[in-house]
Amino acid sequence: MSEHNLYKQLNEALMEASGKVLYQAALAGHLLAWGPTVPTLASTGYAKGCLFIHTDASGRADAWYQNVGTGASCDFEAQAPTELADAGSLITATTIEGALQEAFQHIQSAQAFVPIPLGSFTLEDGTALTKYAAGGATPGFQQLANKEIVLAWDGNATQTAVGCTIPMPPDLDDSADVVVHYLANMAGATDTPVIVNEAYFNKGDTDCAGTDDEVDGGVTLTEYSMTIAATHVPAAPAALTLVFDPTNGEMTTDELYIYGVWLEYTRKTLTS
């Protein structure tokens, strides 16, 4: 056969249903193989790194394999496709690497949160909260004009604190801050009380609450917060006892309305 016909002959050659080519002596095996059955573990004759085309593949993840063993004892592992199938259109990335970055950015986001239902609060001594009554120092639940139910304090010189205990999630990253958030407003524009916080983790902890926030947004529903520094945050499992009330002497005219309370924390990737 003349050399100028070699390419044509190879191009038109009929290959067997299974086989292997490109033998590499130093690796004691072939670099490319194909067939309807993936070579069994510890088979010989396939060089380390050999690509195997599975001609009877059941899908994309079963289409091609690579030998991570040796020529004397092969170990073919399926190679996932580099493109990303996203039938649900849940992500914006187009590669597996991009999708993993997008997913773990969400998993490890500081925006993970624990909602604290208002109904879980009692008075600081454990007494159940009841319906709000104007004119006293004891807070309670009040329904406002638009049917919203809030935790309310009246405009008195002295105030009574409320509290509850919140179990922390197992993916809590104890190397990051925990932030307590309040959604609140005042009934009028006169008073601007500071929400005084106490925070205790687990048994026997000392108060680790951070700087208290001032409710200075008037009648506008506003988000306020208090940060517990990471140095005080224990590893899960943990429980946080939260106690708070408006500062005595700073609220004599307007009612304080708490619409919601929640925690924001940083997640860590769980290992088990």
C-alpha atoms as a PDB file:
ATOM      1  CA  MET A   1       0.000   0.000   0.000  1.00  0.00           C
ATOM      2  CA  SER A   2       1.427   3.357  -0.985  1.00  0.00           C
ATOM      3  CA  GLU A   3       1.833   6.058   1.622  1.00  0.00           C
ATOM      4  CA  HIS A   4      -0.602   8.413  -0.064  1.00  0.00           C
ATOM      5  CA  ASN A   5      -3.398   5.835   0.448  1.00  0.00           C
ATOM      6  CA  LEU A   6      -2.665   5.319   4.152  1.00  0.00           C
ATOM      7  CA  TYR A   7      -4.926   8.082   5.437  1.00  0.00           C
ATOM      8  CA  LYS A   8      -7.801   6.951   3.178  1.00  0.00           C
ATOM      9  CA  GLN A   9      -7.423   3.341   4.294  1.00  0.00           C
ATOM     10  CA  LEU A  10      -7.400   4.265   7.966  1.00  0.00           C
ATOM     11  CA  ASN A  11     -10.315   6.653   7.569  1.00  0.00           C
ATOM     12  CA  GLU A  12     -12.468   4.023   5.915  1.00  0.00           C
ATOM     13  CA  ALA A  13     -11.372   1.098   8.061  1.00  0.00           C
ATOM     14  CA  LEU A  14     -14.123  -0.898   9.780  1.00  0.00           C
ATOM     15  CA  MET A  15     -13.313  -1.173  13.486  1.00  0.00           C
ATOM     16  CA  GLU A  16     -14.195  -4.137  15.636  1.00  0.00           C
ATOM     17  CA  ALA A  17     -17.025  -3.791  18.175  1.00  0.00           C
ATOM     18  CA  SER A  18     -14.378  -3.545  20.869  1.00  0.00           C
ATOM     19  CA  GLY A  19     -10.679  -2.906  20.824  1.00  0.00           C
ATOM     20  CA  LYS A  20      -7.744  -0.771  21.850  1.00  0.00           C
ATOM     21  CA  VAL A  21      -5.037   1.220  20.039  1.00  0.00           C
ATOM     22  CA  LEU A  22      -1.983   3.411  20.659  1.00  0.00           C
ATOM     23  CA  TYR A  23       0.119   1.045  22.725  1.00  0.00           C
ATOM     24  CA  GLN A  24       2.583   2.749  25.092  1.00  0.00           C
ATOM     25  CA  ALA A  25       5.357   0.389  26.106  1.00  0.00           C
ATOM     26  CA  ALA A  26       6.582   2.342  29.135  1.00  0.00           C
ATOM     27  CA  LEU A  27       3.049   2.249  30.583  1.00  0.00           C
ATOM     28  CA  ALA A  28       2.455  -1.376  29.584  1.00  0.00           C
ATOM     29  CA  GLY A  29      -0.840  -0.698  27.864  1.00  0.00           C
ATOM     30  CA  HIS A  30      -2.961   1.096  25.283  1.00  0.00           C
ATOM     31  CA  LEU A  31      -3.995   4.743  25.560  1.00  0.00           C
ATOM     32  CA  LEU A  32      -7.374   4.437  23.841  1.00  0.00           C
ATOM     33  CA  ALA A  33      -9.971   1.673  23.993  1.00  0.00           C
ATOM     34  CA  TRP A  34     -13.659   1.148  23.229  1.00  0.00           C
ATOM     35  CA  GLY A  35     -16.393  -1.422  23.589  1.00  0.00           C
ATOM     36  CA  PRO A  36     -19.856  -2.246  24.988  1.00  0.00           C
ATOM     37  CA  THR A  37     -18.455  -3.346  28.368  1.00  0.00           C
ATOM     38  CA  VAL A  38     -16.164  -1.360  30.641  1.00  0.00           C
ATOM     39  CA  PRO A  39     -13.002  -3.375  31.439  1.00  0.00           C
ATOM     40  CA  THR A  40     -13.221  -5.151  34.749  1.00  0.00           C
ATOM     41  CA  LEU A  41     -11.167  -3.994  37.709  1.00  0.00           C
ATOM     42  CA  ALA A  42      -7.523  -5.183  37.629  1.00  0.00           C
ATOM     43  CA  SER A  43      -7.585  -6.130  33.909  1.00  0.00           C
ATOM     44  CA  THR A  44      -4.265  -5.717  32.072  1.00  0.00           C
ATOM     45  CA  GLY A  45      -3.210  -3.990  28.864  1.00  0.00           C
ATOM     46  CA  TYR A  46      -4.661  -0.516  29.530  1.00  0.00           C
ATOM     47  CA  ALA A  47      -2.117   2.219  30.188  1.00  0.00           C
ATOM     48  CA  LYS A  48      -2.515   4.548  33.135  1.00  0.00           C
ATOM     49  CA  GLY A  49      -4.718   7.399  31.836  1.00  0.00           C
ATOM     50  CA  CYS A  50      -6.239   5.262  29.053  1.00  0.00           C
ATOM     51  CA  LEU A  51      -9.575   6.594  27.804  1.00  0.00           C
ATOM     52  CA  PHE A  52     -12.343   4.058  27.321  1.00  0.00           C
ATOM     53  CA  ILE A  53     -15.349   4.919  25.107  1.00  0.00           C
ATOM     54  CA  HIS A  54     -18.370   2.988  26.357  1.00  0.00           C
ATOM     55  CA  THR A  55     -20.320   2.180  23.191  1.00  0.00           C
ATOM     56  CA  ASP A  56     -23.302   0.824  25.136  1.00  0.00           C
ATOM     57  CA  ALA A  57     -23.576   3.789  27.511  1.00  0.00           C
ATOM     58  CA  SER A  58     -26.869   4.320  29.347  1.00  0.00           C
ATOM     59  CA  GLY A  59     -26.419   8.090  29.474  1.00  0.00           C
ATOM     60  CA  ARG A  60     -23.985  11.007  29.587  1.00  0.00           C
ATOM     61  CA  ALA A  61     -22.419   9.948  32.887  1.00  0.00           C
ATOM     62  CA  ASP A  62     -21.746   6.437  31.521  1.00  0.00           C
ATOM     63  CA  ALA A  63     -20.252   7.441  28.157  1.00  0.00           C
ATOM     64  CA  TRP A  64     -16.519   7.522  28.855  1.00  0.00           C
ATOM     65  CA  TYR A  65     -14.074   6.295  31.458  1.00  0.00           C
ATOM     66  CA  GLN A  66     -10.433   6.805  32.374  1.00  0.00           C
ATOM     67  CA  ASN A  67      -7.970   4.337  33.846  1.00  0.00           C
ATOM     68  CA  VAL A  68      -6.718   5.607  37.187  1.00  0.00           C
ATOM     69  CA  GLY A  69      -4.951   2.292  37.814  1.00  0.00           C
ATOM     70  CA  THR A  70      -1.946   0.917  35.916  1.00  0.00           C
ATOM     71  CA  GLY A  71      -1.203  -1.189  32.857  1.00  0.00           C
ATOM     72  CA  ALA A  72      -0.865  -4.234  35.107  1.00  0.00           C
ATOM     73  CA  SER A  73      -4.104  -3.547  37.050  1.00  0.00           C
ATOM     74  CA  CYS A  74      -6.634  -1.166  35.546  1.00  0.00           C
ATOM     75  CA  ASP A  75      -9.282   0.821  37.423  1.00  0.00           C
ATOM     76  CA  PHE A  76     -11.640   2.659  35.083  1.00  0.00           C
ATOM     77  CA  GLU A  77     -13.669   5.488  36.615  1.00  0.00           C
ATOM     78  CA  ALA A  78     -16.574   7.249  34.904  1.00  0.00           C
ATOM     79  CA  GLN A  79     -15.770  10.793  33.849  1.00  0.00           C
ATOM     80  CA  ALA A  80     -18.608  13.254  34.386  1.00  0.00           C
ATOM     81  CA  PRO A  81     -19.348  15.587  31.459  1.00  0.00           C
ATOM     82  CA  THR A  82     -18.033  19.112  31.757  1.00  0.00           C
ATOM     83  CA  GLU A  83     -21.293  20.644  30.519  1.00  0.00           C
ATOM     84  CA  LEU A  84     -24.083  21.176  32.988  1.00  0.00           C
ATOM     85  CA  ALA A  85     -27.606  19.877  32.478  1.00  0.00           C
ATOM     86  CA  ASP A  86     -30.103  22.089  34.314  1.00  0.00           C
ATOM     87  CA  ALA A  87     -33.596  21.072  33.236  1.00  0.00           C
ATOM     88  CA  GLY A  88     -35.157  23.069  36.063  1.00  0.00           C
ATOM     89  CA  SER A  89     -33.271  26.287  35.186  1.00  0.00           C
ATOM     90  CA  LEU A  90     -32.290  26.645  38.844  1.00  0.00           C
ATOM     91  CA  ILE A  91     -28.782  28.028  38.339  1.00  0.00           C
ATOM     92  CA  THR A  92     -27.050  30.472  36.018  1.00  0.00           C
ATOM     93  CA  ALA A  93     -23.702  28.641  35.661  1.00  0.00           C
ATOM     94  CA  THR A  94     -23.007  26.556  32.553  1.00  0.00           C
ATOM     95  CA  THR A  95     -20.234  24.309  33.928  1.00  0.00           C
ATOM     96  CA  ILE A  96     -20.025  21.961  36.887  1.00  0.00           C
ATOM     97  CA  GLU A  97     -17.281  24.093  38.449  1.00  0.00           C
ATOM     98  CA  GLY A  98     -19.444  27.208  38.087  1.00  0.00           C
ATOM     99  CA  ALA A  99     -22.482  25.432  39.517  1.00  0.00           C
ATOM    100  CA  LEU A 100     -20.506  24.237  42.550  1.00  0.00           C
ATOM    101  CA  GLN A 101     -19.267  27.764  43.218  1.00  0.00           C
ATOM    102  CA  GLU A 102     -22.788  29.109  42.907  1.00  0.00           C
ATOM    103  CA  ALA A 103     -24.232  26.431  45.197  1.00  0.00           C
ATOM    104  CA  PHE A 104     -21.589  26.770  47.900  1.00  0.00           C
ATOM    105  CA  GLN A 105     -21.746  30.551  47.810  1.00  0.00           C
ATOM    106  CA  HIS A 106     -25.367  30.108  48.864  1.00  0.00           C
ATOM    107  CA  ILE A 107     -24.608  27.342  51.394  1.00  0.00           C
ATOM    108  CA  GLN A 108     -21.941  29.418  53.108  1.00  0.00           C
ATOM    109  CA  SER A 109     -23.788  32.726  52.858  1.00  0.00           C
ATOM    110  CA  ALA A 110     -24.077  34.831  56.003  1.00  0.00           C
ATOM    111  CA  GLN A 111     -27.761  35.212  55.182  1.00  0.00           C
ATOM    112  CA  ALA A 112     -28.742  31.880  56.724  1.00  0.00           C
ATOM    113  CA  PHE A 113     -31.375  32.644  59.337  1.00  0.00           C
ATOM    114  CA  VAL A 114     -33.444  31.232  62.187  1.00  0.00           C
ATOM    115  CA  PRO A 115     -36.911  32.775  62.554  1.00  0.00           C
ATOM    116  CA  ILE A 116     -38.079  33.303  66.144  1.00  0.00           C
ATOM    117  CA  PRO A 117     -41.901  33.249  66.340  1.00  0.00           C
ATOM    118  CA  LEU A 118     -43.253  36.022  68.548  1.00  0.00           C
ATOM    119  CA  GLY A 119     -45.363  33.402  70.306  1.00  0.00           C
ATOM    120  CA  SER A 120     -42.209  31.761  71.676  1.00  0.00           C
ATOM    121  CA  PHE A 121     -41.511  34.740  73.939  1.00  0.00           C
ATOM    122  CA  THR A 122     -42.541  34.854  77.591  1.00  0.00           C
ATOM    123  CA  LEU A 123     -41.836  37.366  80.302  1.00  0.00           C
ATOM    124  CA  GLU A 124     -38.255  37.083  81.529  1.00  0.00           C
ATOM    125  CA  ASP A 125     -39.385  34.999  84.519  1.00  0.00           C
ATOM    126  CA  GLY A 126     -41.260  32.518  82.293  1.00  0.00           C
ATOM    127  CA  THR A 127     -44.755  33.946  82.778  1.00  0.00           C
ATOM    128  CA  ALA A 128     -46.838  33.581  79.623  1.00  0.00           C
ATOM    129  CA  LEU A 129     -47.548  36.722  77.607  1.00  0.00           C
ATOM    130  CA  THR A 130     -51.169  37.667  77.144  1.00  0.00           C
ATOM    131  CA  LYS A 131     -53.184  40.242  75.246  1.00  0.00           C
ATOM    132  CA  TYR A 132     -51.686  43.726  75.423  1.00  0.00           C
ATOM    133  CA  ALA A 133     -53.250  46.170  77.881  1.00  0.00           C
ATOM    134  CA  ALA A 134     -52.446  49.878  77.698  1.00  0.00           C
ATOM    135  CA  GLY A 135     -51.217  51.704  80.762  1.00  0.00           C
ATOM    136  CA  GLY A 136     -48.908  49.076  82.222  1.00  0.00           C
ATOM    137  CA  ALA A 137     -45.252  48.086  82.100  1.00  0.00           C
ATOM    138  CA  THR A 138     -45.979  44.542  80.941  1.00  0.00           C
ATOM    139  CA  PRO A 139     -45.802  43.845  77.203  1.00  0.00           C
ATOM    140  CA  GLY A 140     -48.324  41.711  75.352  1.00  0.00           C
ATOM    141  CA  PHE A 141     -49.730  40.785  71.974  1.00  0.00           C
ATOM    142  CA  GLN A 142     -51.720  43.443  70.162  1.00  0.00           C
ATOM    143  CA  GLN A 143     -53.679  43.470  66.920  1.00  0.00           C
ATOM    144  CA  LEU A 144     -53.205  46.717  65.017  1.00  0.00           C
ATOM    145  CA  ALA A 145     -55.544  48.410  62.570  1.00  0.00           C
ATOM    146  CA  ASN A 146     -54.588  46.313  59.560  1.00  0.00           C
ATOM    147  CA  LYS A 147     -54.922  43.005  61.469  1.00  0.00           C
ATOM    148  CA  GLU A 148     -51.143  42.651  62.017  1.00  0.00           C
ATOM    149  CA  ILE A 149     -50.323  41.036  65.383  1.00  0.00           C
ATOM    150  CA  VAL A 150     -47.303  42.503  67.155  1.00  0.00           C
ATOM    151  CA  LEU A 151     -45.467  42.303  70.459  1.00  0.00           C
ATOM    152  CA  ALA A 152     -46.174  45.672  72.085  1.00  0.00           C
ATOM    153  CA  TRP A 153     -44.853  47.754  74.989  1.00  0.00           C
ATOM    154  CA  ASP A 154     -46.727  50.813  76.249  1.00  0.00           C
ATOM    155  CA  GLY A 155     -45.087  54.196  76.699  1.00  0.00           C
ATOM    156  CA  ASN A 156     -44.067  53.859  80.359  1.00  0.00           C
ATOM    157  CA  ALA A 157     -40.994  54.981  82.276  1.00  0.00           C
ATOM    158  CA  THR A 158     -40.317  51.402  83.395  1.00  0.00           C
ATOM    159  CA  GLN A 159     -40.496  48.306  81.183  1.00  0.00           C
ATOM    160  CA  THR A 160     -40.601  44.531  81.602  1.00  0.00           C
ATOM    161  CA  ALA A 161     -38.308  42.288  79.566  1.00  0.00           C
ATOM    162  CA  VAL A 162     -39.280  39.277  77.481  1.00  0.00           C
ATOM    163  CA  GLY A 163     -37.155  36.261  76.611  1.00  0.00           C
ATOM    164  CA  CYS A 164     -36.948  32.894  74.887  1.00  0.00           C
ATOM    165  CA  THR A 165     -34.415  30.150  74.166  1.00  0.00           C
ATOM    166  CA  ILE A 166     -33.513  29.313  70.564  1.00  0.00           C
ATOM    167  CA  PRO A 167     -31.743  26.065  69.549  1.00  0.00           C
ATOM    168  CA  MET A 168     -28.958  26.813  67.095  1.00  0.00           C
ATOM    169  CA  PRO A 169     -28.748  24.904  63.776  1.00  0.00           C
ATOM    170  CA  PRO A 170     -26.193  22.103  63.290  1.00  0.00           C
ATOM    171  CA  ASP A 171     -24.508  23.977  60.412  1.00  0.00           C
ATOM    172  CA  LEU A 172     -23.656  26.942  62.669  1.00  0.00           C
ATOM    173  CA  ASP A 173     -20.159  28.296  61.986  1.00  0.00           C
ATOM    174  CA  ASP A 174     -18.866  29.153  65.451  1.00  0.00           C
ATOM    175  CA  SER A 175     -16.031  31.218  63.952  1.00  0.00           C
ATOM    176  CA  ALA A 176     -18.503  33.873  62.731  1.00  0.00           C
ATOM    177  CA  ASP A 177     -20.813  36.421  64.375  1.00  0.00           C
ATOM    178  CA  VAL A 178     -24.466  35.735  65.154  1.00  0.00           C
ATOM    179  CA  VAL A 179     -26.756  38.718  64.566  1.00  0.00           C
ATOM    180  CA  VAL A 180     -30.153  39.265  66.202  1.00  0.00           C
ATOM    181  CA  HIS A 181     -32.577  41.251  64.021  1.00  0.00           C
ATOM    182  CA  TYR A 182     -35.749  43.102  64.974  1.00  0.00           C
ATOM    183  CA  LEU A 183     -38.413  44.473  62.637  1.00  0.00           C
ATOM    184  CA  ALA A 184     -40.055  47.259  64.615  1.00  0.00           C
ATOM    185  CA  ASN A 185     -41.581  50.709  64.713  1.00  0.00           C
ATOM    186  CA  MET A 186     -43.059  53.195  67.151  1.00  0.00           C
ATOM    187  CA  ALA A 187     -46.690  54.282  67.362  1.00  0.00           C
ATOM    188  CA  GLY A 188     -45.532  57.910  67.153  1.00  0.00           C
ATOM    189  CA  ALA A 189     -42.474  60.058  66.527  1.00  0.00           C
ATOM    190  CA  THR A 190     -41.698  61.162  70.078  1.00  0.00           C
ATOM    191  CA  ASP A 191     -39.796  58.295  71.692  1.00  0.00           C
ATOM    192  CA  THR A 192     -36.593  56.629  70.424  1.00  0.00           C
ATOM    193  CA  PRO A 193     -35.818  53.880  72.954  1.00  0.00           C
ATOM    194  CA  VAL A 194     -32.769  51.659  72.810  1.00  0.00           C
ATOM    195  CA  ILE A 195     -33.585  47.938  72.765  1.00  0.00           C
ATOM    196  CA  VAL A 196     -31.549  46.506  75.639  1.00  0.00           C
ATOM    197  CA  ASN A 197     -30.402  42.945  74.966  1.00  0.00           C
ATOM    198  CA  GLU A 198     -29.019  40.106  77.040  1.00  0.00           C
ATOM    199  CA  ALA A 199     -27.688  36.973  75.352  1.00  0.00           C
ATOM    200  CA  TYR A 200     -26.545  33.685  76.903  1.00  0.00           C
ATOM    201  CA  PHE A 201     -25.337  30.502  75.195  1.00  0.00           C
ATOM    202  CA  ASN A 202     -25.965  27.137  76.826  1.00  0.00           C
ATOM    203  CA  LYS A 203     -25.646  26.665  80.601  1.00  0.00           C
ATOM    204  CA  GLY A 204     -23.807  29.081  82.876  1.00  0.00           C
ATOM    205  CA  ASP A 205     -22.841  31.618  80.203  1.00  0.00           C
ATOM    206  CA  THR A 206     -22.288  35.299  80.973  1.00  0.00           C
ATOM    207  CA  ASP A 207     -24.106  37.992  79.017  1.00  0.00           C
ATOM    208  CA  CYS A 208     -22.511  38.198  75.544  1.00  0.00           C
ATOM    209  CA  ALA A 209     -24.859  40.665  73.862  1.00  0.00           C
ATOM    210  CA  GLY A 210     -23.242  43.268  71.622  1.00  0.00           C
ATOM    211  CA  THR A 211     -24.067  46.934  71.136  1.00  0.00           C
ATOM    212  CA  ASP A 212     -27.772  47.709  71.522  1.00  0.00           C
ATOM    213  CA  ASP A 213     -29.656  49.450  68.712  1.00  0.00           C
ATOM    214  CA  GLU A 214     -31.875  52.524  69.025  1.00  0.00           C
ATOM    215  CA  VAL A 215     -35.391  52.443  67.587  1.00  0.00           C
ATOM    216  CA  ASP A 216     -35.107  55.779  65.836  1.00  0.00           C
ATOM    217  CA  GLY A 217     -37.173  55.180  62.709  1.00  0.00           C
ATOM    218  CA  GLY A 218     -40.384  56.548  64.183  1.00  0.00           C
ATOM    219  CA  VAL A 219     -43.549  55.112  62.630  1.00  0.00           C
ATOM    220  CA  THR A 220     -41.582  53.661  59.687  1.00  0.00           C
ATOM    221  CA  LEU A 221     -41.194  49.897  59.926  1.00  0.00           C
ATOM    222  CA  THR A 222     -37.408  49.475  60.272  1.00  0.00           C
ATOM    223  CA  GLU A 223     -34.893  46.670  60.787  1.00  0.00           C
ATOM    224  CA  TYR A 224     -32.691  46.916  63.878  1.00  0.00           C
ATOM    225  CA  SER A 225     -29.965  44.539  65.024  1.00  0.00           C
ATOM    226  CA  MET A 226     -27.549  43.423  67.740  1.00  0.00           C
ATOM    227  CA  THR A 227     -24.372  41.458  66.961  1.00  0.00           C
ATOM    228  CA  ILE A 228     -22.993  38.672  69.141  1.00  0.00           C
ATOM    229  CA  ALA A 229     -19.252  38.469  68.444  1.00  0.00           C
ATOM    230  CA  ALA A 230     -17.843  35.201  67.121  1.00  0.00           C
ATOM    231  CA  THR A 231     -15.614  34.858  70.186  1.00  0.00           C
ATOM    232  CA  HIS A 232     -18.753  34.125  72.225  1.00  0.00           C
ATOM    233  CA  VAL A 233     -20.386  31.693  69.775  1.00  0.00           C
ATOM    234  CA  PRO A 234     -20.010  28.012  70.748  1.00  0.00           C
ATOM    235  CA  ALA A 235     -19.978  25.088  68.348  1.00  0.00           C
ATOM    236  CA  ALA A 236     -23.268  23.292  67.762  1.00  0.00           C
ATOM    237  CA  PRO A 237     -25.174  21.827  69.481  1.00  0.00           C
ATOM    238  CA  ALA A 238     -25.971  25.059  71.258  1.00  0.00           C
ATOM    239  CA  ALA A 239     -28.920  27.084  72.482  1.00  0.00           C
ATOM    240  CA  LEU A 240     -29.181  30.860  72.773  1.00  0.00           C
ATOM    241  CA  THR A 241     -31.279  32.525  75.463  1.00  0.00           C
ATOM    242  CA  LEU A 242     -32.309  36.009  74.350  1.00  0.00           C
ATOM    243  CA  VAL A 243     -33.767  38.638  76.710  1.00  0.00           C
ATOM    244  CA  PHE A 244     -34.708  42.170  75.663  1.00  0.00           C
ATOM    245  CA  ASP A 245     -36.861  45.207  76.426  1.00  0.00           C
ATOM    246  CA  PRO A 246     -36.899  48.949  75.680  1.00  0.00           C
ATOM    247  CA  THR A 247     -34.669  51.009  77.992  1.00  0.00           C
ATOM    248  CA  ASN A 248     -36.336  52.356  81.111  1.00  0.00           C
ATOM    249  CA  GLY A 249     -36.906  56.113  80.985  1.00  0.00           C
ATOM    250  CA  GLU A 250     -36.635  56.380  77.188  1.00  0.00           C
ATOM    251  CA  MET A 251     -40.241  55.539  76.302  1.00  0.00           C
ATOM    252  CA  THR A 252     -42.929  57.579  78.017  1.00  0.00           C
ATOM    253  CA  THR A 253     -45.340  58.467  75.197  1.00  0.00           C
ATOM    254  CA  ASP A 254     -45.357  56.075  72.230  1.00  0.00           C
ATOM    255  CA  GLU A 255     -45.924  52.351  72.051  1.00  0.00           C
ATOM    256  CA  LEU A 256     -43.180  50.076  70.676  1.00  0.00           C
ATOM    257  CA  TYR A 257     -44.288  47.417  68.186  1.00  0.00           C
ATOM    258  CA  ILE A 258     -42.130  44.357  67.381  1.00  0.00           C
ATOM    259  CA  TYR A 259     -43.260  42.677  64.131  1.00  0.00           C
ATOM    260  CA  GLY A 260     -40.593  40.008  63.900  1.00  0.00           C
ATOM    261  CA  VAL A 261     -37.376  38.679  65.443  1.00  0.00           C
ATOM    262  CA  TRP A 262     -34.820  36.422  63.770  1.00  0.00           C
ATOM    263  CA  LEU A 263     -31.190  35.346  63.889  1.00  0.00           C
ATOM    264  CA  GLU A 264     -28.714  35.516  61.016  1.00  0.00           C
ATOM    265  CA  TYR A 265     -25.673  33.266  61.118  1.00  0.00           C
ATOM    266  CA  THR A 266     -22.950  31.905  58.855  1.00  0.00           C
ATOM    267  CA  ARG A 267     -23.214  28.296  57.683  1.00  0.00           C
ATOM    268  CA  LYS A 268     -20.381  25.821  57.608  1.00  0.00           C
ATOM    269  CA  THR A 269     -20.267  22.765  55.358  1.00  0.00           C
ATOM    270  CA  LEU A 270     -21.256  19.704  57.359  1.00  0.00           C
ATOM    271  CA  THR A 271     -18.945  16.681  57.246  1.00  0.00           C
ATOM    272  CA  SER A 272     -21.424  14.091  58.526  1.00  0.00           C
END
